[in-house]
N, C-alpha and C. Protein backbone atom coordinates (compact mmCIF):
# COMPACT_ATOMS: atom_id res chain seq x y z
N UNK A 1 -52.99 32.91 -7.53
CA UNK A 1 -52.75 34.18 -7.24
C UNK A 1 -53.43 35.21 -8.08
N UNK A 2 -53.76 36.41 -7.42
CA UNK A 2 -54.46 37.36 -8.08
C UNK A 2 -53.37 38.22 -9.31
N UNK A 3 -54.08 38.81 -9.94
CA UNK A 3 -53.42 39.40 -10.89
C UNK A 3 -52.51 40.76 -10.38
N UNK A 4 -52.89 41.40 -9.19
CA UNK A 4 -52.34 42.43 -8.57
C UNK A 4 -51.06 41.73 -7.99
N UNK A 5 -51.12 40.72 -7.08
CA UNK A 5 -49.97 40.12 -6.67
C UNK A 5 -49.02 39.51 -7.54
N UNK A 6 -49.62 39.01 -8.65
CA UNK A 6 -48.53 38.67 -9.62
C UNK A 6 -47.75 39.68 -10.10
N UNK A 7 -48.32 40.83 -10.46
CA UNK A 7 -47.54 41.99 -10.82
C UNK A 7 -46.89 42.63 -9.69
N UNK A 8 -47.28 42.50 -8.56
CA UNK A 8 -46.28 43.04 -7.32
C UNK A 8 -45.09 42.05 -7.38
N UNK A 9 -45.24 41.04 -7.33
CA UNK A 9 -43.93 40.03 -7.26
C UNK A 9 -42.95 40.17 -8.46
N UNK A 10 -43.55 40.47 -9.42
CA UNK A 10 -42.69 40.69 -10.71
C UNK A 10 -42.00 41.95 -10.69
N UNK A 11 -42.59 42.84 -9.76
CA UNK A 11 -41.73 44.11 -9.79
C UNK A 11 -41.45 44.47 -8.19
N UNK A 12 -41.12 43.48 -7.32
CA UNK A 12 -40.73 43.83 -6.06
C UNK A 12 -39.59 44.56 -5.96
N UNK A 13 -38.75 44.57 -6.88
CA UNK A 13 -37.47 45.33 -6.77
C UNK A 13 -37.69 46.84 -6.78
N UNK A 14 -38.83 47.22 -7.38
CA UNK A 14 -39.46 48.63 -7.26
C UNK A 14 -39.76 49.06 -5.98
N UNK A 15 -40.57 48.08 -5.34
CA UNK A 15 -41.10 48.34 -3.99
C UNK A 15 -40.18 48.45 -3.08
N UNK A 16 -38.99 47.70 -3.25
CA UNK A 16 -37.82 47.60 -2.33
C UNK A 16 -36.96 49.01 -2.69
N UNK A 17 -36.86 49.48 -3.86
CA UNK A 17 -36.21 50.81 -4.19
C UNK A 17 -37.19 51.89 -3.24
N UNK A 18 -38.56 51.95 -3.29
CA UNK A 18 -39.11 52.80 -2.80
C UNK A 18 -38.80 52.88 -1.33
N UNK A 19 -38.88 51.79 -0.62
CA UNK A 19 -38.79 51.66 0.62
C UNK A 19 -37.49 51.82 1.14
N UNK A 20 -36.32 51.90 0.45
CA UNK A 20 -34.83 52.11 0.73
C UNK A 20 -34.83 53.56 0.96
N UNK A 21 -35.68 54.62 0.44
CA UNK A 21 -35.52 55.91 0.84
C UNK A 21 -35.69 56.19 2.16
N UNK A 22 -34.89 56.54 2.82
CA UNK A 22 -34.88 57.05 4.12
C UNK A 22 -36.07 58.04 4.63
N UNK A 23 -36.54 58.06 5.66
CA UNK A 23 -37.53 58.81 6.14
C UNK A 23 -38.29 58.27 7.07
N UNK A 24 -39.42 59.27 7.63
CA UNK A 24 -40.12 58.84 8.83
C UNK A 24 -41.19 57.61 8.63
N UNK A 25 -41.40 56.95 9.77
CA UNK A 25 -42.29 55.67 9.41
C UNK A 25 -43.85 56.20 9.64
N UNK A 26 -44.35 55.37 8.48
CA UNK A 26 -46.00 55.78 8.65
C UNK A 26 -46.60 54.70 7.99
N UNK A 27 -47.75 54.31 8.14
CA UNK A 27 -48.38 53.21 7.28
C UNK A 27 -48.83 53.71 6.00
N UNK A 28 -49.02 52.72 5.03
CA UNK A 28 -49.32 52.97 3.66
C UNK A 28 -50.04 52.10 3.07
N UNK A 29 -50.42 52.05 1.63
CA UNK A 29 -51.04 50.89 1.09
C UNK A 29 -50.55 49.81 1.27
N UNK A 30 -48.98 49.75 1.35
CA UNK A 30 -48.47 48.50 1.17
C UNK A 30 -47.57 48.14 2.64
N UNK A 31 -47.34 49.07 3.34
CA UNK A 31 -46.84 48.88 4.64
C UNK A 31 -47.53 49.22 5.89
N UNK A 32 -47.27 48.46 7.04
CA UNK A 32 -48.21 48.81 8.36
C UNK A 32 -47.94 50.04 9.16
N UNK A 33 -46.76 50.53 8.78
CA UNK A 33 -46.13 51.72 9.63
C UNK A 33 -44.99 51.37 10.54
N UNK A 34 -45.00 49.95 10.80
CA UNK A 34 -43.87 49.35 11.92
C UNK A 34 -42.71 48.82 11.12
N UNK A 35 -42.72 48.50 9.81
CA UNK A 35 -41.61 48.24 9.08
C UNK A 35 -41.93 48.35 7.67
N UNK A 36 -40.80 48.35 6.85
CA UNK A 36 -40.98 48.64 5.32
C UNK A 36 -40.95 47.25 4.66
N UNK A 37 -41.66 46.40 5.01
CA UNK A 37 -42.02 45.18 4.34
C UNK A 37 -43.49 45.16 4.03
N UNK A 38 -43.71 44.07 3.06
CA UNK A 38 -45.13 44.30 2.60
C UNK A 38 -45.79 43.82 3.54
N UNK A 39 -47.13 44.35 3.90
CA UNK A 39 -48.23 44.05 4.76
C UNK A 39 -49.33 43.48 4.05
N UNK A 40 -49.78 42.40 4.45
CA UNK A 40 -51.01 41.90 3.56
C UNK A 40 -52.49 42.20 4.54
N UNK A 41 -52.00 43.13 5.57
CA UNK A 41 -53.37 43.32 6.33
C UNK A 41 -54.31 44.33 5.50
N UNK A 42 -53.71 44.94 4.35
CA UNK A 42 -54.50 45.75 3.61
C UNK A 42 -54.72 45.38 2.05
N UNK A 43 -54.62 43.81 1.94
CA UNK A 43 -54.69 43.39 0.75
C UNK A 43 -55.95 43.78 0.04
N UNK A 44 -57.00 43.67 0.63
CA UNK A 44 -58.29 44.15 -0.14
C UNK A 44 -58.47 45.35 -0.68
N UNK A 45 -57.82 46.28 0.14
CA UNK A 45 -57.58 47.59 -0.40
C UNK A 45 -56.70 47.93 -1.50
N UNK A 46 -55.60 47.00 -1.31
CA UNK A 46 -54.65 47.05 -2.55
C UNK A 46 -55.28 46.57 -3.95
N UNK A 47 -56.04 45.50 -3.68
CA UNK A 47 -56.69 44.84 -4.96
C UNK A 47 -57.63 45.72 -5.56
N UNK A 48 -58.30 46.46 -4.54
CA UNK A 48 -59.52 47.38 -4.96
C UNK A 48 -58.90 48.58 -5.85
N UNK A 49 -57.96 49.15 -5.46
CA UNK A 49 -57.33 50.26 -6.36
C UNK A 49 -56.66 49.68 -7.62
N UNK A 50 -56.05 48.43 -7.44
CA UNK A 50 -55.59 47.77 -8.61
C UNK A 50 -56.47 47.64 -9.62
N UNK A 51 -57.64 47.00 -9.28
CA UNK A 51 -58.72 46.63 -10.21
C UNK A 51 -59.62 47.83 -10.68
N UNK A 52 -59.70 48.74 -9.79
CA UNK A 52 -60.25 50.00 -10.11
C UNK A 52 -59.68 50.84 -11.69
N UNK A 53 -58.41 50.72 -11.49
CA UNK A 53 -57.46 51.16 -12.59
C UNK A 53 -57.48 50.14 -13.77
N UNK A 54 -57.40 48.84 -13.38
CA UNK A 54 -57.27 47.78 -14.53
C UNK A 54 -58.46 47.90 -15.26
N UNK A 55 -59.88 47.85 -14.65
CA UNK A 55 -60.72 47.62 -15.34
C UNK A 55 -61.51 48.68 -16.11
N UNK A 56 -60.98 50.04 -15.93
CA UNK A 56 -61.42 51.30 -16.29
C UNK A 56 -60.40 51.85 -17.68
N UNK A 57 -60.82 52.53 -18.41
CA UNK A 57 -60.20 53.03 -19.40
C UNK A 57 -59.81 54.57 -19.11
N UNK A 58 -59.10 54.63 -17.90
CA UNK A 58 -58.55 55.86 -17.36
C UNK A 58 -57.16 56.16 -18.13
N UNK A 59 -57.11 57.33 -18.34
CA UNK A 59 -55.87 57.98 -18.71
C UNK A 59 -54.96 58.87 -17.95
N UNK A 60 -55.72 59.68 -17.36
CA UNK A 60 -54.93 60.70 -16.38
C UNK A 60 -55.77 60.65 -14.88
N UNK A 61 -54.90 60.52 -13.95
CA UNK A 61 -55.37 60.45 -12.57
C UNK A 61 -54.80 61.45 -11.91
N UNK A 62 -55.58 62.04 -10.90
CA UNK A 62 -55.11 63.02 -9.78
C UNK A 62 -55.16 62.34 -8.47
N UNK A 63 -54.02 62.33 -7.85
CA UNK A 63 -53.81 61.90 -6.55
C UNK A 63 -53.36 63.07 -5.52
N UNK A 64 -54.03 63.26 -4.48
CA UNK A 64 -53.59 64.17 -3.46
C UNK A 64 -53.07 63.19 -2.24
N UNK A 65 -51.70 63.51 -1.77
CA UNK A 65 -51.16 62.47 -0.83
C UNK A 65 -50.30 61.58 -1.38
N UNK A 66 -48.97 61.59 -1.17
CA UNK A 66 -48.13 60.58 -1.88
C UNK A 66 -47.44 59.90 -0.98
N UNK A 67 -46.81 60.35 -0.04
CA UNK A 67 -45.83 59.66 1.10
C UNK A 67 -44.71 58.77 0.18
N UNK A 68 -44.62 57.62 0.34
CA UNK A 68 -43.81 56.65 -0.39
C UNK A 68 -44.33 56.19 -1.88
N UNK A 69 -45.29 56.84 -2.39
CA UNK A 69 -45.79 56.60 -3.70
C UNK A 69 -46.31 55.25 -3.99
N UNK A 70 -46.74 54.64 -2.73
CA UNK A 70 -47.13 53.22 -3.01
C UNK A 70 -48.38 53.15 -3.80
N UNK A 71 -49.43 54.05 -3.58
CA UNK A 71 -50.52 53.81 -4.43
C UNK A 71 -50.27 54.17 -5.78
N UNK A 72 -49.41 55.04 -6.15
CA UNK A 72 -48.88 55.28 -7.51
C UNK A 72 -48.49 54.28 -8.24
N UNK A 73 -47.69 53.38 -7.42
CA UNK A 73 -47.07 52.29 -7.84
C UNK A 73 -48.05 51.22 -8.04
N UNK A 74 -49.12 51.12 -7.14
CA UNK A 74 -50.25 49.90 -7.50
C UNK A 74 -50.79 50.35 -8.74
N UNK A 75 -51.13 51.76 -8.91
CA UNK A 75 -51.89 52.13 -10.22
C UNK A 75 -51.05 51.80 -11.37
N UNK A 76 -49.75 52.13 -11.43
CA UNK A 76 -48.88 51.81 -12.62
C UNK A 76 -48.36 50.40 -12.81
N UNK A 77 -48.67 49.56 -11.86
CA UNK A 77 -48.94 48.27 -11.92
C UNK A 77 -50.12 47.72 -12.94
N UNK A 78 -50.92 48.39 -12.57
CA UNK A 78 -52.36 48.02 -13.29
C UNK A 78 -52.56 48.58 -14.61
N UNK A 79 -51.82 49.84 -14.84
CA UNK A 79 -51.66 50.51 -16.18
C UNK A 79 -50.42 51.24 -16.12
N UNK A 80 -49.44 50.44 -16.90
CA UNK A 80 -48.08 51.32 -17.00
C UNK A 80 -48.19 52.45 -17.66
N UNK A 81 -49.30 52.68 -18.49
CA UNK A 81 -49.31 54.02 -19.44
C UNK A 81 -50.18 54.89 -18.97
N UNK A 82 -50.60 54.80 -17.66
CA UNK A 82 -51.36 55.89 -16.96
C UNK A 82 -50.64 56.79 -16.73
N UNK A 83 -51.28 58.25 -16.78
CA UNK A 83 -50.54 59.60 -16.31
C UNK A 83 -50.96 60.03 -15.14
N UNK A 84 -49.95 60.10 -14.14
CA UNK A 84 -50.63 60.50 -12.50
C UNK A 84 -50.05 61.85 -12.35
N UNK A 85 -50.84 62.80 -12.06
CA UNK A 85 -50.71 64.10 -11.43
C UNK A 85 -50.53 63.96 -9.69
N UNK A 86 -49.64 64.15 -9.15
CA UNK A 86 -49.92 63.75 -7.64
C UNK A 86 -49.21 65.01 -6.85
N UNK A 87 -49.97 65.21 -5.66
CA UNK A 87 -49.68 66.55 -5.01
C UNK A 87 -49.21 65.98 -3.57
N UNK A 88 -48.37 66.93 -2.75
CA UNK A 88 -48.01 66.33 -1.54
C UNK A 88 -47.44 67.62 -0.86
N UNK A 89 -47.81 67.86 0.13
CA UNK A 89 -47.16 69.12 1.16
C UNK A 89 -45.76 69.05 1.47
N UNK A 90 -45.54 67.66 1.57
CA UNK A 90 -44.13 67.39 2.13
C UNK A 90 -43.46 66.42 0.95
N UNK A 91 -42.31 66.90 0.47
CA UNK A 91 -41.74 66.48 -0.59
C UNK A 91 -40.34 65.52 -0.18
N UNK A 92 -40.20 65.19 1.12
CA UNK A 92 -39.06 64.50 1.66
C UNK A 92 -38.98 63.06 1.24
N UNK A 93 -40.03 62.51 1.16
CA UNK A 93 -39.98 61.09 0.64
C UNK A 93 -40.93 61.02 -0.70
N UNK A 94 -41.77 61.89 -0.76
CA UNK A 94 -42.71 61.98 -2.11
C UNK A 94 -42.03 62.16 -3.52
N UNK A 95 -41.01 63.24 -3.27
CA UNK A 95 -40.36 63.52 -4.53
C UNK A 95 -39.32 62.44 -5.01
N UNK A 96 -38.35 61.92 -3.89
CA UNK A 96 -37.55 60.91 -4.54
C UNK A 96 -38.34 59.37 -4.98
N UNK A 97 -39.46 59.32 -4.11
CA UNK A 97 -40.23 58.24 -4.42
C UNK A 97 -40.87 58.31 -5.76
N UNK A 98 -41.46 59.19 -6.20
CA UNK A 98 -41.89 59.53 -7.41
C UNK A 98 -40.81 59.58 -8.57
N UNK A 99 -39.89 59.98 -8.14
CA UNK A 99 -38.47 60.09 -9.01
C UNK A 99 -38.28 58.65 -9.58
N UNK A 100 -38.20 57.56 -8.62
CA UNK A 100 -38.07 56.16 -8.75
C UNK A 100 -38.98 55.73 -9.85
N UNK A 101 -40.35 55.80 -9.61
CA UNK A 101 -41.29 55.30 -10.45
C UNK A 101 -41.17 55.78 -11.76
N UNK A 102 -40.80 57.10 -11.77
CA UNK A 102 -40.64 57.82 -13.17
C UNK A 102 -39.67 56.92 -14.03
N UNK A 103 -38.60 56.47 -13.40
CA UNK A 103 -37.37 55.76 -13.87
C UNK A 103 -37.93 54.40 -14.63
N UNK A 104 -38.56 54.13 -13.70
CA UNK A 104 -39.39 52.60 -14.19
C UNK A 104 -40.51 52.72 -15.06
N UNK A 105 -41.24 53.84 -15.14
CA UNK A 105 -42.42 53.86 -15.82
C UNK A 105 -42.39 55.13 -16.58
N UNK A 106 -41.51 55.35 -17.25
CA UNK A 106 -41.48 56.19 -18.66
C UNK A 106 -41.97 57.55 -18.18
N UNK A 107 -41.61 57.93 -16.80
CA UNK A 107 -41.84 59.51 -16.61
C UNK A 107 -43.18 59.68 -16.72
N UNK A 108 -44.12 58.74 -16.12
CA UNK A 108 -45.59 59.11 -16.05
C UNK A 108 -46.10 59.86 -14.84
N UNK A 109 -45.17 60.10 -14.15
CA UNK A 109 -45.84 61.05 -12.88
C UNK A 109 -45.36 62.48 -12.85
N UNK A 110 -46.37 63.32 -12.78
CA UNK A 110 -45.96 64.61 -12.57
C UNK A 110 -46.16 64.95 -11.04
N UNK A 111 -45.18 65.31 -10.50
CA UNK A 111 -45.30 65.52 -9.00
C UNK A 111 -45.27 67.10 -8.70
N UNK A 112 -46.38 67.41 -7.92
CA UNK A 112 -46.47 68.76 -7.43
C UNK A 112 -46.39 68.93 -6.11
N UNK A 113 -45.33 69.87 -5.65
CA UNK A 113 -45.03 70.09 -3.95
C UNK A 113 -45.78 71.29 -3.80
N UNK A 114 -46.79 70.80 -2.88
CA UNK A 114 -47.52 72.10 -2.42
C UNK A 114 -48.72 71.40 -1.44
N UNK A 115 -49.44 72.52 -1.13
CA UNK A 115 -50.64 72.43 -0.10
C UNK A 115 -52.00 72.29 -1.25
N UNK A 116 -52.75 71.25 -0.81
CA UNK A 116 -53.84 71.35 -1.70
C UNK A 116 -54.65 72.30 -1.82
N UNK A 117 -54.84 73.02 -0.67
CA UNK A 117 -55.66 74.13 -0.52
C UNK A 117 -55.22 75.16 -1.65
N UNK A 118 -53.96 75.36 -1.89
CA UNK A 118 -53.33 76.25 -2.92
C UNK A 118 -53.32 75.74 -4.36
N UNK A 119 -52.97 74.54 -4.44
CA UNK A 119 -52.74 73.63 -5.68
C UNK A 119 -54.01 73.41 -6.40
N UNK A 120 -55.08 72.90 -5.79
CA UNK A 120 -56.25 72.29 -6.45
C UNK A 120 -56.93 73.34 -7.14
N UNK A 121 -57.07 74.58 -6.45
CA UNK A 121 -57.86 75.63 -7.39
C UNK A 121 -57.00 76.02 -8.64
N UNK A 122 -55.65 75.71 -8.95
CA UNK A 122 -54.88 76.22 -9.91
C UNK A 122 -54.61 75.18 -10.95
N UNK A 123 -55.29 73.89 -10.69
CA UNK A 123 -55.15 72.73 -11.83
C UNK A 123 -56.15 73.00 -13.04
N UNK A 124 -55.92 72.63 -14.08
CA UNK A 124 -56.77 72.76 -15.33
C UNK A 124 -58.05 71.81 -15.10
N UNK A 125 -59.20 72.72 -15.50
CA UNK A 125 -60.37 72.08 -15.44
C UNK A 125 -60.46 70.79 -16.55
N UNK A 126 -61.52 69.70 -16.21
CA UNK A 126 -61.83 68.74 -16.93
C UNK A 126 -60.39 68.03 -17.39
N UNK A 127 -59.77 67.67 -16.46
CA UNK A 127 -58.45 67.16 -16.83
C UNK A 127 -58.21 65.67 -16.46
N UNK A 128 -58.97 65.02 -15.39
CA UNK A 128 -58.82 63.89 -14.77
C UNK A 128 -59.75 63.04 -14.82
N UNK A 129 -59.53 61.60 -15.20
CA UNK A 129 -60.45 60.37 -15.35
C UNK A 129 -60.84 59.80 -13.84
N UNK A 130 -59.92 59.78 -13.02
CA UNK A 130 -60.00 59.18 -11.68
C UNK A 130 -59.28 60.07 -10.61
N UNK A 131 -59.80 60.04 -9.65
CA UNK A 131 -59.45 61.08 -8.23
C UNK A 131 -58.88 60.00 -7.08
N UNK A 132 -57.91 60.14 -6.43
CA UNK A 132 -57.64 59.43 -5.27
C UNK A 132 -57.25 60.42 -4.35
N UNK A 133 -57.92 60.61 -3.21
CA UNK A 133 -57.75 61.44 -2.19
C UNK A 133 -57.22 60.78 -0.97
N UNK A 134 -55.85 60.97 -0.64
CA UNK A 134 -55.24 60.34 0.38
C UNK A 134 -54.26 61.47 0.94
N UNK A 135 -54.86 62.73 1.43
CA UNK A 135 -53.84 63.72 1.96
C UNK A 135 -54.21 63.78 3.41
N UNK A 136 -54.32 64.89 3.81
CA UNK A 136 -54.52 65.21 5.07
C UNK A 136 -55.96 64.58 5.76
N UNK A 137 -55.95 63.73 6.56
CA UNK A 137 -57.25 62.96 6.97
C UNK A 137 -57.96 63.64 8.05
N UNK A 138 -58.42 64.72 7.68
CA UNK A 138 -59.35 65.57 8.58
C UNK A 138 -60.71 66.00 7.58
N UNK A 139 -61.86 65.97 8.14
CA UNK A 139 -62.94 66.29 7.61
C UNK A 139 -63.13 67.55 6.65
N UNK A 140 -62.46 68.63 7.38
CA UNK A 140 -62.35 69.78 6.66
C UNK A 140 -61.52 69.87 5.35
N UNK A 141 -60.59 69.14 5.44
CA UNK A 141 -59.62 69.28 4.43
C UNK A 141 -60.32 68.31 3.10
N UNK A 142 -60.89 67.05 3.45
CA UNK A 142 -61.44 66.17 2.56
C UNK A 142 -62.74 67.00 1.96
N UNK A 143 -63.42 67.88 2.53
CA UNK A 143 -64.45 68.55 2.16
C UNK A 143 -63.93 69.38 0.99
N UNK A 144 -62.84 70.28 1.45
CA UNK A 144 -62.52 71.13 0.64
C UNK A 144 -61.85 70.35 -0.85
N UNK A 145 -61.12 69.39 -0.49
CA UNK A 145 -60.69 68.87 -1.62
C UNK A 145 -61.93 68.04 -2.56
N UNK A 146 -62.98 67.48 -2.09
CA UNK A 146 -63.93 66.98 -2.75
C UNK A 146 -64.56 68.10 -3.85
N UNK A 147 -64.87 69.34 -3.11
CA UNK A 147 -65.57 70.13 -3.72
C UNK A 147 -64.82 70.86 -5.07
N UNK A 148 -63.29 70.76 -4.66
CA UNK A 148 -62.53 71.57 -5.66
C UNK A 148 -62.26 70.45 -6.88
N UNK A 149 -62.11 69.21 -6.58
CA UNK A 149 -61.82 68.15 -7.70
C UNK A 149 -62.90 68.00 -8.59
N UNK A 150 -64.32 68.46 -8.29
CA UNK A 150 -65.45 68.36 -9.02
C UNK A 150 -65.15 68.87 -10.57
N UNK A 151 -64.74 70.17 -10.38
CA UNK A 151 -64.51 70.74 -11.65
C UNK A 151 -63.31 70.35 -12.47
N UNK A 152 -62.53 69.41 -11.83
CA UNK A 152 -61.21 69.08 -12.50
C UNK A 152 -61.63 67.65 -13.13
N UNK A 153 -62.70 66.95 -12.94
CA UNK A 153 -63.19 65.64 -13.21
C UNK A 153 -63.41 65.80 -15.06
N UNK A 154 -62.97 64.96 -15.76
CA UNK A 154 -63.09 65.22 -17.07
C UNK A 154 -64.18 64.43 -17.62
N UNK A 155 -64.76 63.56 -17.05
CA UNK A 155 -66.08 62.91 -17.36
C UNK A 155 -67.38 63.62 -16.80
N UNK A 156 -68.15 63.91 -17.93
CA UNK A 156 -69.35 65.06 -17.52
C UNK A 156 -70.46 64.27 -16.76
N UNK A 157 -70.50 62.84 -17.00
CA UNK A 157 -71.78 61.93 -16.56
C UNK A 157 -71.31 61.37 -14.87
N UNK A 158 -69.95 60.97 -14.89
CA UNK A 158 -69.52 60.18 -13.65
C UNK A 158 -68.23 60.87 -12.85
N UNK A 159 -68.23 60.64 -11.77
CA UNK A 159 -66.86 61.04 -10.95
C UNK A 159 -66.32 59.42 -10.32
N UNK A 160 -65.42 59.06 -10.74
CA UNK A 160 -64.75 57.95 -10.11
C UNK A 160 -63.75 58.45 -9.17
N UNK A 161 -63.91 57.73 -7.78
CA UNK A 161 -63.08 58.39 -6.78
C UNK A 161 -62.86 57.30 -5.71
N UNK A 162 -61.49 57.37 -5.22
CA UNK A 162 -61.46 56.63 -3.82
C UNK A 162 -60.95 57.62 -2.83
N UNK A 163 -61.68 57.70 -1.83
CA UNK A 163 -61.38 58.44 -0.39
C UNK A 163 -60.44 57.39 0.45
N UNK A 164 -59.24 57.65 0.81
CA UNK A 164 -58.45 56.96 1.64
C UNK A 164 -58.95 57.37 3.14
N UNK A 165 -58.98 56.41 4.06
CA UNK A 165 -58.90 56.58 5.55
C UNK A 165 -60.44 57.18 5.57
N UNK A 166 -61.42 56.30 4.86
CA UNK A 166 -62.92 56.84 4.62
C UNK A 166 -63.63 57.25 6.11
N UNK A 167 -63.16 56.50 7.41
CA UNK A 167 -63.79 57.10 8.53
C UNK A 167 -63.80 58.48 8.91
N UNK A 168 -62.75 59.23 8.02
CA UNK A 168 -62.87 60.68 8.29
C UNK A 168 -63.84 61.46 7.67
N UNK A 169 -64.57 60.88 6.76
CA UNK A 169 -65.52 61.73 6.08
C UNK A 169 -66.98 61.07 5.96
N UNK A 170 -67.35 60.73 7.07
CA UNK A 170 -68.74 60.23 7.27
C UNK A 170 -69.46 61.14 6.80
N UNK A 171 -69.56 62.42 7.33
CA UNK A 171 -70.47 63.46 7.06
C UNK A 171 -70.44 63.80 5.60
N UNK A 172 -69.53 64.00 5.03
CA UNK A 172 -69.33 64.11 3.55
C UNK A 172 -69.83 63.02 2.77
N UNK A 173 -69.72 61.69 3.19
CA UNK A 173 -70.49 60.63 2.59
C UNK A 173 -71.78 60.90 2.43
N UNK A 174 -72.31 61.24 3.70
CA UNK A 174 -73.91 61.43 3.77
C UNK A 174 -74.32 62.43 2.90
N UNK A 175 -73.50 63.55 2.83
CA UNK A 175 -73.89 64.61 2.01
C UNK A 175 -73.96 64.15 0.20
N UNK A 176 -72.74 63.27 -0.04
CA UNK A 176 -72.96 63.00 -1.05
C UNK A 176 -74.03 62.42 -1.65
N UNK A 177 -74.42 61.38 -0.79
CA UNK A 177 -75.43 60.23 -0.92
C UNK A 177 -76.70 61.28 -1.12
N UNK A 178 -76.89 62.19 -0.41
CA UNK A 178 -78.16 63.05 -0.66
C UNK A 178 -78.03 63.98 -1.84
N UNK A 179 -76.96 64.43 -2.36
CA UNK A 179 -76.73 65.21 -3.24
C UNK A 179 -76.91 64.78 -4.67
N UNK A 180 -76.29 63.30 -4.69
CA UNK A 180 -75.91 62.60 -6.15
C UNK A 180 -76.37 61.21 -6.05
N UNK A 181 -76.37 60.68 -7.06
CA UNK A 181 -76.89 59.19 -7.32
C UNK A 181 -75.56 58.60 -7.32
N UNK A 182 -75.44 57.80 -6.14
CA UNK A 182 -74.23 56.98 -5.97
C UNK A 182 -74.41 55.61 -6.80
N UNK A 183 -73.66 55.31 -7.86
CA UNK A 183 -74.15 54.03 -8.45
C UNK A 183 -73.22 52.87 -8.18
N UNK A 184 -72.05 53.00 -7.51
CA UNK A 184 -71.32 51.99 -6.96
C UNK A 184 -70.68 52.60 -5.64
N UNK A 185 -70.44 51.49 -4.71
CA UNK A 185 -69.85 52.09 -3.46
C UNK A 185 -69.36 50.89 -2.98
N UNK A 186 -68.03 50.97 -2.54
CA UNK A 186 -67.47 49.77 -1.87
C UNK A 186 -66.30 50.06 -1.08
N UNK A 187 -66.28 49.57 0.39
CA UNK A 187 -65.46 49.52 1.37
C UNK A 187 -64.67 48.25 1.63
N UNK A 188 -63.71 48.00 1.33
CA UNK A 188 -62.87 46.71 1.40
C UNK A 188 -62.82 46.40 2.77
N UNK A 189 -62.89 44.98 2.86
CA UNK A 189 -62.91 44.36 4.27
C UNK A 189 -61.39 44.35 4.80
N UNK A 190 -60.90 45.28 5.46
CA UNK A 190 -59.68 45.14 5.85
C UNK A 190 -59.41 46.31 6.93
N UNK A 191 -57.99 46.47 7.43
CA UNK A 191 -57.63 47.53 8.15
C UNK A 191 -57.41 48.98 7.41
N UNK A 192 -57.64 49.95 8.25
CA UNK A 192 -57.37 51.26 7.43
C UNK A 192 -58.09 51.22 5.95
N UNK A 193 -59.36 51.11 6.15
CA UNK A 193 -60.08 50.97 5.01
C UNK A 193 -60.50 52.31 4.23
N UNK A 194 -60.63 52.12 2.98
CA UNK A 194 -61.10 53.27 2.19
C UNK A 194 -62.29 53.19 1.53
N UNK A 195 -62.86 53.93 0.64
CA UNK A 195 -64.27 54.03 -0.02
C UNK A 195 -64.03 54.48 -1.31
N UNK A 196 -64.47 53.41 -2.23
CA UNK A 196 -64.39 53.81 -3.67
C UNK A 196 -65.97 54.01 -4.06
N UNK A 197 -66.05 55.20 -4.93
CA UNK A 197 -67.34 55.60 -5.36
C UNK A 197 -67.43 55.93 -6.71
N UNK A 198 -68.43 55.49 -7.44
CA UNK A 198 -68.86 55.95 -8.88
C UNK A 198 -69.97 56.70 -8.74
N UNK A 199 -69.78 58.25 -8.96
CA UNK A 199 -71.09 59.15 -8.61
C UNK A 199 -71.59 59.56 -10.00
N UNK A 200 -72.90 59.56 -10.01
CA UNK A 200 -73.43 60.33 -11.28
C UNK A 200 -73.80 61.65 -10.93
N UNK A 201 -73.04 62.35 -12.00
CA UNK A 201 -73.23 63.86 -11.72
C UNK A 201 -74.43 64.66 -12.39
């Protein structure tokens, strides 16, 4: 059994609490959108996010797009001391689910309700070790978010980032590869894939 699945099974009561919050159905890191039961269809994607946090000395993470806070849950399973700032334009589910995680993980999440167009330019520069972009999956939005998170990145040499639903940012990926040296790049072999990058700045 993988370390991720071991931790997930130990804390499945938290997963069940997150899914008990009533709201609209949609897919996530842990559910396929048809039910609020664990879905193995994205196991490789779940493992990649978990291992990225587990294997790096990150302290502060920025996440854009929260929904049921499943990705926050995965990251906190990997490092319970991690500090996460997360943004979502809709707080119907994101606020109560991050409240649940704060109850279990020592108030390690700061939730900001708002639009990334407005919020990202207001955040303190050089504050985050890792970025997870999982908001509105449109090329224009992801382009804007990427350009704005560059100044928020705390590491002066590298940017560690995961783009969720990477299919929507093919043009951005090509521009990144022309503009920077991409030291690591990984796409998990599963449905609704994402893209993990380590970029030399």
